[in-house]
Amino acid sequence: MSPVSARIPGQDGDENEAAESAAVSPLLTEIDHVAIAVNDLGAAIDYYRDTFGAVVDHREIVDSDGVEEALLKVAESYIQLLTPTRDDSPVAKFLERKGEGLHHIGYRVKDCAAALQAVKDQGGRVIDEAPRPGSRGTTVAFVHPKTAFGTLIELVQE
């Protein structure tokens, strides 16, 4: 097995690349949530409460996505427990294919439209062509995992 290496901006004598990297303003401001798909929302809520003392900060049915969510506050982020409300929802299909577990990561952004456009400009595949309403009054858009190293990404603007 060969050693793993990562390129560092400016490596290989490219000083302009290092300067450009330092000047870039990051679009992702923090982690908004880690989403976990579950079959039994009540059981998952009980587990996090009984095991970790985490309690529900927000609970909502998102009809457009066919899910019910419970958000458990962890510092300035959330654990988002998701369960399907209908059999044709993306989360229902995920549970059928992969079972319970990590579904996606939500990153906070200042401007969802700008972040989504940045993904498109880099040739990334998106699920939402334009930002749309999300839970908690947020604006969201999803980035397809095929061009995000196997991770479904949700861009979240508060």
N, C-alpha and C. Protein backbone atom coordinates (compact mmCIF):
# COMPACT_ATOMS: atom_id res chain seq x y z
N MET A 1 0.85 -1.17 0.00
CA MET A 1 0.00 0.00 0.00
C MET A 1 0.89 1.24 0.00
N SER A 2 0.59 2.18 -0.88
CA SER A 2 1.41 3.38 -0.97
C SER A 2 0.99 4.39 0.09
N PRO A 3 1.93 5.24 0.51
CA PRO A 3 1.60 6.24 1.54
C PRO A 3 0.61 7.27 0.99
N VAL A 4 -0.18 7.79 1.88
CA VAL A 4 -1.15 8.82 1.52
C VAL A 4 -0.48 10.17 1.59
N SER A 5 -0.72 10.99 0.59
CA SER A 5 -0.17 12.34 0.62
C SER A 5 -1.24 13.32 0.18
N ALA A 6 -1.11 14.52 0.65
CA ALA A 6 -2.04 15.58 0.27
C ALA A 6 -1.24 16.75 -0.25
N ARG A 7 -1.79 17.38 -1.25
CA ARG A 7 -1.12 18.57 -1.78
C ARG A 7 -1.37 19.75 -0.85
N ILE A 8 -0.36 20.51 -0.62
CA ILE A 8 -0.45 21.71 0.19
C ILE A 8 -0.33 22.88 -0.76
N PRO A 9 -1.22 23.91 -0.65
CA PRO A 9 -1.09 25.07 -1.54
C PRO A 9 0.33 25.62 -1.49
N GLY A 10 0.90 25.87 -2.66
CA GLY A 10 2.26 26.39 -2.75
C GLY A 10 3.30 25.30 -2.88
N GLN A 11 2.88 24.03 -2.70
CA GLN A 11 3.81 22.90 -2.85
C GLN A 11 4.26 22.87 -4.30
N ASP A 12 5.39 22.31 -4.56
CA ASP A 12 5.94 22.21 -5.91
C ASP A 12 6.29 23.58 -6.48
N GLY A 13 6.57 24.54 -5.58
CA GLY A 13 7.05 25.84 -6.03
C GLY A 13 6.00 26.77 -6.59
N ASP A 14 4.72 26.46 -6.48
CA ASP A 14 3.68 27.33 -7.01
C ASP A 14 3.25 28.33 -5.94
N GLU A 15 3.99 29.43 -5.84
CA GLU A 15 3.72 30.44 -4.81
C GLU A 15 2.40 31.17 -5.06
N ASN A 16 2.00 31.32 -6.32
CA ASN A 16 0.74 32.00 -6.64
C ASN A 16 -0.44 31.22 -6.07
N GLU A 17 -0.38 29.90 -6.13
CA GLU A 17 -1.46 29.07 -5.61
C GLU A 17 -1.62 29.27 -4.11
N ALA A 18 -0.51 29.37 -3.38
CA ALA A 18 -0.57 29.59 -1.93
C ALA A 18 -1.22 30.93 -1.63
N ALA A 19 -0.86 31.96 -2.37
CA ALA A 19 -1.44 33.29 -2.16
C ALA A 19 -2.93 33.29 -2.49
N GLU A 20 -3.30 32.61 -3.57
CA GLU A 20 -4.72 32.53 -3.94
C GLU A 20 -5.52 31.80 -2.87
N SER A 21 -4.98 30.70 -2.34
CA SER A 21 -5.68 29.94 -1.30
C SER A 21 -5.89 30.77 -0.06
N ALA A 22 -4.90 31.56 0.31
CA ALA A 22 -5.00 32.39 1.51
C ALA A 22 -6.03 33.50 1.32
N ALA A 23 -6.25 33.93 0.07
CA ALA A 23 -7.17 35.04 -0.20
C ALA A 23 -8.62 34.59 -0.36
N VAL A 24 -8.85 33.29 -0.48
CA VAL A 24 -10.20 32.77 -0.71
C VAL A 24 -11.01 32.87 0.59
N SER A 25 -12.21 33.39 0.47
CA SER A 25 -13.11 33.46 1.61
C SER A 25 -13.94 32.18 1.65
N PRO A 26 -13.88 31.43 2.74
CA PRO A 26 -14.61 30.16 2.78
C PRO A 26 -16.13 30.35 2.73
N LEU A 27 -16.79 29.51 1.95
CA LEU A 27 -18.24 29.56 1.84
C LEU A 27 -18.91 28.81 2.98
N LEU A 28 -18.26 27.76 3.49
CA LEU A 28 -18.82 26.98 4.59
C LEU A 28 -18.41 27.66 5.89
N THR A 29 -19.39 28.08 6.70
CA THR A 29 -19.07 28.82 7.91
C THR A 29 -18.98 27.93 9.15
N GLU A 30 -19.74 26.85 9.19
CA GLU A 30 -19.65 25.87 10.27
C GLU A 30 -20.54 24.68 9.95
N ILE A 31 -20.44 23.65 10.77
CA ILE A 31 -21.32 22.50 10.58
C ILE A 31 -22.67 22.83 11.20
N ASP A 32 -23.73 22.72 10.41
CA ASP A 32 -25.08 22.97 10.91
C ASP A 32 -25.62 21.72 11.60
N HIS A 33 -25.49 20.58 10.92
CA HIS A 33 -26.00 19.34 11.49
C HIS A 33 -25.38 18.11 10.83
N VAL A 34 -25.46 17.03 11.57
CA VAL A 34 -25.14 15.70 11.05
C VAL A 34 -26.46 14.95 11.07
N ALA A 35 -26.91 14.48 9.91
CA ALA A 35 -28.22 13.84 9.78
C ALA A 35 -28.08 12.33 9.82
N ILE A 36 -28.91 11.71 10.65
CA ILE A 36 -28.92 10.26 10.81
C ILE A 36 -30.31 9.75 10.47
N ALA A 37 -30.39 8.84 9.52
CA ALA A 37 -31.68 8.24 9.13
C ALA A 37 -31.99 7.10 10.09
N VAL A 38 -33.21 7.11 10.62
CA VAL A 38 -33.63 6.08 11.60
C VAL A 38 -35.01 5.55 11.23
N ASN A 39 -35.27 4.33 11.63
CA ASN A 39 -36.59 3.73 11.41
C ASN A 39 -37.60 4.19 12.45
N ASP A 40 -37.15 4.35 13.70
CA ASP A 40 -38.03 4.69 14.81
C ASP A 40 -37.52 5.96 15.47
N LEU A 41 -38.14 7.08 15.14
CA LEU A 41 -37.70 8.37 15.64
C LEU A 41 -37.77 8.43 17.17
N GLY A 42 -38.84 7.92 17.74
CA GLY A 42 -38.99 7.92 19.20
C GLY A 42 -37.89 7.16 19.90
N ALA A 43 -37.54 5.99 19.37
CA ALA A 43 -36.47 5.18 19.96
C ALA A 43 -35.13 5.90 19.86
N ALA A 44 -34.89 6.57 18.73
CA ALA A 44 -33.63 7.30 18.55
C ALA A 44 -33.54 8.48 19.50
N ILE A 45 -34.65 9.20 19.66
CA ILE A 45 -34.69 10.33 20.61
C ILE A 45 -34.41 9.82 22.02
N ASP A 46 -35.05 8.72 22.39
CA ASP A 46 -34.84 8.14 23.72
C ASP A 46 -33.39 7.74 23.93
N TYR A 47 -32.77 7.14 22.90
CA TYR A 47 -31.37 6.71 23.00
C TYR A 47 -30.46 7.91 23.29
N TYR A 48 -30.60 8.97 22.50
CA TYR A 48 -29.74 10.14 22.68
C TYR A 48 -29.99 10.83 24.03
N ARG A 49 -31.23 10.85 24.48
CA ARG A 49 -31.55 11.45 25.78
C ARG A 49 -30.97 10.60 26.91
N ASP A 50 -31.28 9.30 26.89
CA ASP A 50 -30.87 8.41 27.97
C ASP A 50 -29.36 8.18 28.02
N THR A 51 -28.73 8.15 26.86
CA THR A 51 -27.29 7.86 26.80
C THR A 51 -26.44 9.11 26.95
N PHE A 52 -26.83 10.19 26.29
CA PHE A 52 -25.98 11.37 26.23
C PHE A 52 -26.59 12.62 26.89
N GLY A 53 -27.83 12.51 27.34
CA GLY A 53 -28.49 13.67 27.94
C GLY A 53 -28.91 14.71 26.91
N ALA A 54 -28.92 14.33 25.64
CA ALA A 54 -29.30 15.26 24.57
C ALA A 54 -30.82 15.29 24.44
N VAL A 55 -31.39 16.47 24.38
CA VAL A 55 -32.84 16.61 24.29
C VAL A 55 -33.22 17.31 23.00
N VAL A 56 -34.45 17.12 22.60
CA VAL A 56 -34.95 17.70 21.35
C VAL A 56 -35.06 19.22 21.51
N ASP A 57 -34.41 19.92 20.59
CA ASP A 57 -34.46 21.38 20.55
C ASP A 57 -35.53 21.85 19.56
N HIS A 58 -35.77 21.04 18.54
CA HIS A 58 -36.75 21.38 17.50
C HIS A 58 -37.24 20.09 16.86
N ARG A 59 -38.52 20.05 16.57
CA ARG A 59 -39.09 18.87 15.90
C ARG A 59 -40.05 19.38 14.84
N GLU A 60 -40.01 18.75 13.67
CA GLU A 60 -40.82 19.25 12.55
C GLU A 60 -41.04 18.16 11.52
N ILE A 61 -42.20 18.19 10.89
CA ILE A 61 -42.46 17.36 9.70
C ILE A 61 -42.20 18.25 8.49
N VAL A 62 -41.35 17.77 7.60
CA VAL A 62 -41.03 18.50 6.37
C VAL A 62 -41.72 17.75 5.24
N ASP A 63 -42.93 18.17 4.92
CA ASP A 63 -43.73 17.48 3.91
C ASP A 63 -43.04 17.39 2.55
N SER A 64 -42.35 18.46 2.17
CA SER A 64 -41.72 18.48 0.85
C SER A 64 -40.65 17.39 0.71
N ASP A 65 -40.02 16.99 1.82
CA ASP A 65 -39.00 15.95 1.79
C ASP A 65 -39.52 14.60 2.27
N GLY A 66 -40.76 14.57 2.77
CA GLY A 66 -41.34 13.33 3.26
C GLY A 66 -40.66 12.78 4.49
N VAL A 67 -40.27 13.69 5.41
CA VAL A 67 -39.57 13.27 6.63
C VAL A 67 -40.13 13.98 7.86
N GLU A 68 -39.90 13.33 8.99
CA GLU A 68 -40.05 14.00 10.28
C GLU A 68 -38.65 14.07 10.86
N GLU A 69 -38.31 15.22 11.42
CA GLU A 69 -36.99 15.40 11.99
C GLU A 69 -37.07 15.81 13.44
N ALA A 70 -36.05 15.42 14.18
CA ALA A 70 -35.85 15.91 15.54
C ALA A 70 -34.42 16.41 15.59
N LEU A 71 -34.26 17.67 16.02
CA LEU A 71 -32.94 18.26 16.13
C LEU A 71 -32.51 18.29 17.58
N LEU A 72 -31.35 17.72 17.85
CA LEU A 72 -30.77 17.69 19.18
C LEU A 72 -29.57 18.64 19.17
N LYS A 73 -29.59 19.66 20.00
CA LYS A 73 -28.54 20.68 20.01
C LYS A 73 -27.26 20.11 20.61
N VAL A 74 -26.15 20.31 19.91
CA VAL A 74 -24.82 19.95 20.39
C VAL A 74 -23.93 21.15 20.12
N ALA A 75 -23.61 21.91 21.16
CA ALA A 75 -22.87 23.16 21.02
C ALA A 75 -23.65 24.08 20.07
N GLU A 76 -23.04 24.49 18.97
CA GLU A 76 -23.72 25.38 18.03
C GLU A 76 -24.27 24.63 16.82
N SER A 77 -24.25 23.30 16.89
CA SER A 77 -24.72 22.46 15.79
C SER A 77 -25.83 21.54 16.28
N TYR A 78 -26.27 20.65 15.39
CA TYR A 78 -27.34 19.72 15.73
C TYR A 78 -27.00 18.30 15.28
N ILE A 79 -27.60 17.35 15.96
CA ILE A 79 -27.76 16.00 15.43
C ILE A 79 -29.19 16.01 14.90
N GLN A 80 -29.36 15.69 13.65
CA GLN A 80 -30.69 15.68 13.02
C GLN A 80 -31.09 14.22 12.82
N LEU A 81 -32.08 13.79 13.58
CA LEU A 81 -32.62 12.44 13.42
C LEU A 81 -33.77 12.53 12.43
N LEU A 82 -33.71 11.70 11.38
CA LEU A 82 -34.70 11.73 10.30
C LEU A 82 -35.41 10.40 10.17
N THR A 83 -36.72 10.45 10.00
CA THR A 83 -37.47 9.23 9.68
C THR A 83 -38.46 9.58 8.58
N PRO A 84 -38.71 8.66 7.66
CA PRO A 84 -39.63 8.96 6.56
C PRO A 84 -41.08 9.04 7.02
N THR A 85 -41.84 9.90 6.35
CA THR A 85 -43.28 9.98 6.59
C THR A 85 -44.06 9.35 5.43
N ARG A 86 -43.33 9.01 4.38
CA ARG A 86 -43.96 8.31 3.25
C ARG A 86 -42.93 7.42 2.58
N ASP A 87 -43.42 6.38 1.93
CA ASP A 87 -42.55 5.35 1.35
C ASP A 87 -41.70 5.82 0.16
N ASP A 88 -42.10 6.91 -0.48
CA ASP A 88 -41.35 7.36 -1.66
C ASP A 88 -40.35 8.47 -1.35
N SER A 89 -40.15 8.79 -0.07
CA SER A 89 -39.21 9.85 0.27
C SER A 89 -37.77 9.37 0.10
N PRO A 90 -36.84 10.31 -0.14
CA PRO A 90 -35.44 9.92 -0.26
C PRO A 90 -34.91 9.18 0.97
N VAL A 91 -35.37 9.57 2.16
CA VAL A 91 -34.90 8.91 3.38
C VAL A 91 -35.45 7.48 3.46
N ALA A 92 -36.70 7.27 3.02
CA ALA A 92 -37.25 5.90 2.99
C ALA A 92 -36.43 5.02 2.05
N LYS A 93 -36.08 5.56 0.90
CA LYS A 93 -35.27 4.80 -0.07
C LYS A 93 -33.88 4.52 0.50
N PHE A 94 -33.31 5.50 1.19
CA PHE A 94 -32.00 5.32 1.81
C PHE A 94 -32.05 4.19 2.83
N LEU A 95 -33.06 4.22 3.71
CA LEU A 95 -33.19 3.19 4.73
C LEU A 95 -33.36 1.80 4.12
N GLU A 96 -34.10 1.73 3.02
CA GLU A 96 -34.32 0.46 2.34
C GLU A 96 -33.02 -0.08 1.74
N ARG A 97 -32.22 0.82 1.15
CA ARG A 97 -30.97 0.42 0.50
C ARG A 97 -29.83 0.18 1.49
N LYS A 98 -29.68 1.08 2.45
CA LYS A 98 -28.48 1.06 3.30
C LYS A 98 -28.74 0.80 4.77
N GLY A 99 -29.99 0.91 5.20
CA GLY A 99 -30.28 0.76 6.62
C GLY A 99 -30.02 2.05 7.37
N GLU A 100 -30.20 2.00 8.67
CA GLU A 100 -30.03 3.19 9.49
C GLU A 100 -28.57 3.65 9.49
N GLY A 101 -28.40 4.95 9.63
CA GLY A 101 -27.04 5.49 9.73
C GLY A 101 -26.91 6.88 9.19
N LEU A 102 -25.67 7.30 9.06
CA LEU A 102 -25.35 8.65 8.59
C LEU A 102 -25.96 8.88 7.21
N HIS A 103 -26.76 9.93 7.10
CA HIS A 103 -27.43 10.24 5.83
C HIS A 103 -26.76 11.39 5.10
N HIS A 104 -26.52 12.50 5.79
CA HIS A 104 -25.84 13.64 5.17
C HIS A 104 -25.26 14.57 6.21
N ILE A 105 -24.47 15.51 5.73
CA ILE A 105 -23.91 16.56 6.59
C ILE A 105 -24.41 17.89 6.07
N GLY A 106 -24.91 18.72 6.98
CA GLY A 106 -25.36 20.06 6.63
C GLY A 106 -24.32 21.09 7.04
N TYR A 107 -23.92 21.92 6.10
CA TYR A 107 -22.96 22.99 6.37
C TYR A 107 -23.67 24.33 6.31
N ARG A 108 -23.42 25.19 7.28
CA ARG A 108 -23.98 26.54 7.24
C ARG A 108 -23.20 27.37 6.23
N VAL A 109 -23.96 28.19 5.52
CA VAL A 109 -23.39 29.12 4.55
C VAL A 109 -24.08 30.46 4.73
N LYS A 110 -23.39 31.53 4.37
CA LYS A 110 -24.01 32.86 4.46
C LYS A 110 -25.00 33.08 3.32
N ASP A 111 -24.68 32.51 2.15
CA ASP A 111 -25.51 32.70 0.96
C ASP A 111 -25.64 31.37 0.24
N CYS A 112 -26.80 30.73 0.38
CA CYS A 112 -27.02 29.41 -0.19
C CYS A 112 -26.90 29.44 -1.71
N ALA A 113 -27.45 30.45 -2.35
CA ALA A 113 -27.39 30.55 -3.81
C ALA A 113 -25.95 30.66 -4.29
N ALA A 114 -25.14 31.45 -3.61
CA ALA A 114 -23.74 31.61 -4.01
C ALA A 114 -22.96 30.31 -3.80
N ALA A 115 -23.21 29.62 -2.70
CA ALA A 115 -22.52 28.35 -2.43
C ALA A 115 -22.93 27.30 -3.46
N LEU A 116 -24.22 27.26 -3.79
CA LEU A 116 -24.70 26.31 -4.79
C LEU A 116 -24.08 26.61 -6.15
N GLN A 117 -23.99 27.88 -6.50
CA GLN A 117 -23.38 28.26 -7.77
C GLN A 117 -21.90 27.89 -7.81
N ALA A 118 -21.22 28.02 -6.67
CA ALA A 118 -19.80 27.64 -6.60
C ALA A 118 -19.63 26.15 -6.90
N VAL A 119 -20.55 25.33 -6.38
CA VAL A 119 -20.51 23.89 -6.66
C VAL A 119 -20.68 23.66 -8.16
N LYS A 120 -21.67 24.32 -8.76
CA LYS A 120 -21.92 24.16 -10.20
C LYS A 120 -20.73 24.65 -11.02
N ASP A 121 -20.13 25.78 -10.60
CA ASP A 121 -18.99 26.34 -11.33
C ASP A 121 -17.80 25.40 -11.32
N GLN A 122 -17.68 24.57 -10.30
CA GLN A 122 -16.60 23.60 -10.21
C GLN A 122 -16.95 22.28 -10.91
N GLY A 123 -18.13 22.25 -11.57
CA GLY A 123 -18.55 21.05 -12.28
C GLY A 123 -19.24 20.04 -11.39
N GLY A 124 -19.61 20.46 -10.19
CA GLY A 124 -20.28 19.56 -9.26
C GLY A 124 -21.72 19.30 -9.65
N ARG A 125 -22.18 18.14 -9.27
CA ARG A 125 -23.56 17.74 -9.54
C ARG A 125 -24.41 18.14 -8.34
N VAL A 126 -25.57 18.72 -8.58
CA VAL A 126 -26.45 19.16 -7.51
C VAL A 126 -27.79 18.44 -7.60
N ILE A 127 -28.45 18.33 -6.48
CA ILE A 127 -29.80 17.76 -6.44
C ILE A 127 -30.82 18.87 -6.61
N ASP A 128 -30.56 19.99 -5.95
CA ASP A 128 -31.44 21.16 -6.07
C ASP A 128 -30.78 22.17 -7.00
N GLU A 129 -31.45 22.51 -8.07
CA GLU A 129 -30.91 23.49 -9.02
C GLU A 129 -30.95 24.90 -8.45
N ALA A 130 -31.83 25.13 -7.49
CA ALA A 130 -31.96 26.44 -6.85
C ALA A 130 -32.25 26.21 -5.36
N PRO A 131 -31.84 27.15 -4.51
CA PRO A 131 -32.17 27.02 -3.09
C PRO A 131 -33.67 26.96 -2.88
N ARG A 132 -34.08 26.29 -1.78
CA ARG A 132 -35.49 26.11 -1.47
C ARG A 132 -35.69 26.19 0.04
N PRO A 133 -36.93 26.33 0.48
CA PRO A 133 -37.18 26.38 1.93
C PRO A 133 -36.83 25.06 2.61
N GLY A 134 -36.23 25.17 3.79
CA GLY A 134 -35.89 24.01 4.61
C GLY A 134 -36.59 24.13 5.95
N SER A 135 -36.24 23.25 6.88
CA SER A 135 -36.85 23.31 8.21
C SER A 135 -36.30 24.51 8.98
N ARG A 136 -36.94 24.86 10.06
CA ARG A 136 -36.55 25.97 10.93
C ARG A 136 -36.52 27.30 10.20
N GLY A 137 -37.18 27.43 9.07
CA GLY A 137 -37.17 28.68 8.32
C GLY A 137 -35.87 28.92 7.56
N THR A 138 -35.09 27.89 7.35
CA THR A 138 -33.83 28.02 6.63
C THR A 138 -34.05 27.95 5.12
N THR A 139 -33.00 28.25 4.40
CA THR A 139 -32.95 28.06 2.96
C THR A 139 -31.88 27.01 2.71
N VAL A 140 -32.20 26.00 1.89
CA VAL A 140 -31.29 24.87 1.72
C VAL A 140 -31.13 24.48 0.26
N ALA A 141 -30.09 23.71 -0.01
CA ALA A 141 -29.87 23.07 -1.30
C ALA A 141 -28.95 21.89 -1.06
N PHE A 142 -29.18 20.80 -1.81
CA PHE A 142 -28.38 19.59 -1.66
C PHE A 142 -27.40 19.43 -2.81
N VAL A 143 -26.20 18.96 -2.46
CA VAL A 143 -25.15 18.65 -3.42
C VAL A 143 -25.08 17.13 -3.52
N HIS A 144 -25.05 16.61 -4.74
CA HIS A 144 -25.06 15.17 -4.97
C HIS A 144 -23.76 14.52 -4.47
N PRO A 145 -23.88 13.36 -3.82
CA PRO A 145 -22.67 12.70 -3.30
C PRO A 145 -21.70 12.21 -4.37
N LYS A 146 -22.16 12.03 -5.60
CA LYS A 146 -21.26 11.51 -6.66
C LYS A 146 -20.10 12.46 -6.93
N THR A 147 -20.30 13.75 -6.71
CA THR A 147 -19.20 14.70 -6.95
C THR A 147 -18.70 15.32 -5.64
N ALA A 148 -19.09 14.75 -4.51
CA ALA A 148 -18.65 15.26 -3.20
C ALA A 148 -18.03 14.12 -2.39
N PHE A 149 -17.27 13.28 -3.04
CA PHE A 149 -16.54 12.20 -2.39
C PHE A 149 -17.44 11.27 -1.59
N GLY A 150 -18.63 10.99 -2.15
CA GLY A 150 -19.55 10.04 -1.54
C GLY A 150 -20.39 10.57 -0.40
N THR A 151 -20.32 11.87 -0.16
CA THR A 151 -21.08 12.47 0.94
C THR A 151 -22.17 13.37 0.42
N LEU A 152 -23.42 13.10 0.82
CA LEU A 152 -24.52 14.00 0.52
C LEU A 152 -24.34 15.24 1.38
N ILE A 153 -24.31 16.41 0.75
CA ILE A 153 -24.09 17.67 1.45
C ILE A 153 -25.34 18.52 1.35
N GLU A 154 -25.74 19.10 2.48
CA GLU A 154 -26.82 20.07 2.50
C GLU A 154 -26.20 21.42 2.84
N LEU A 155 -26.46 22.41 2.00
CA LEU A 155 -26.06 23.79 2.26
C LEU A 155 -27.22 24.45 3.00
N VAL A 156 -26.95 25.07 4.15
CA VAL A 156 -28.00 25.62 5.01
C VAL A 156 -27.72 27.08 5.29
N GLN A 157 -28.65 27.92 4.88
CA GLN A 157 -28.58 29.35 5.17
C GLN A 157 -29.65 29.68 6.19
N GLU A 158 -29.24 30.25 7.32
CA GLU A 158 -30.21 30.61 8.37
C GLU A 158 -30.84 31.96 8.09
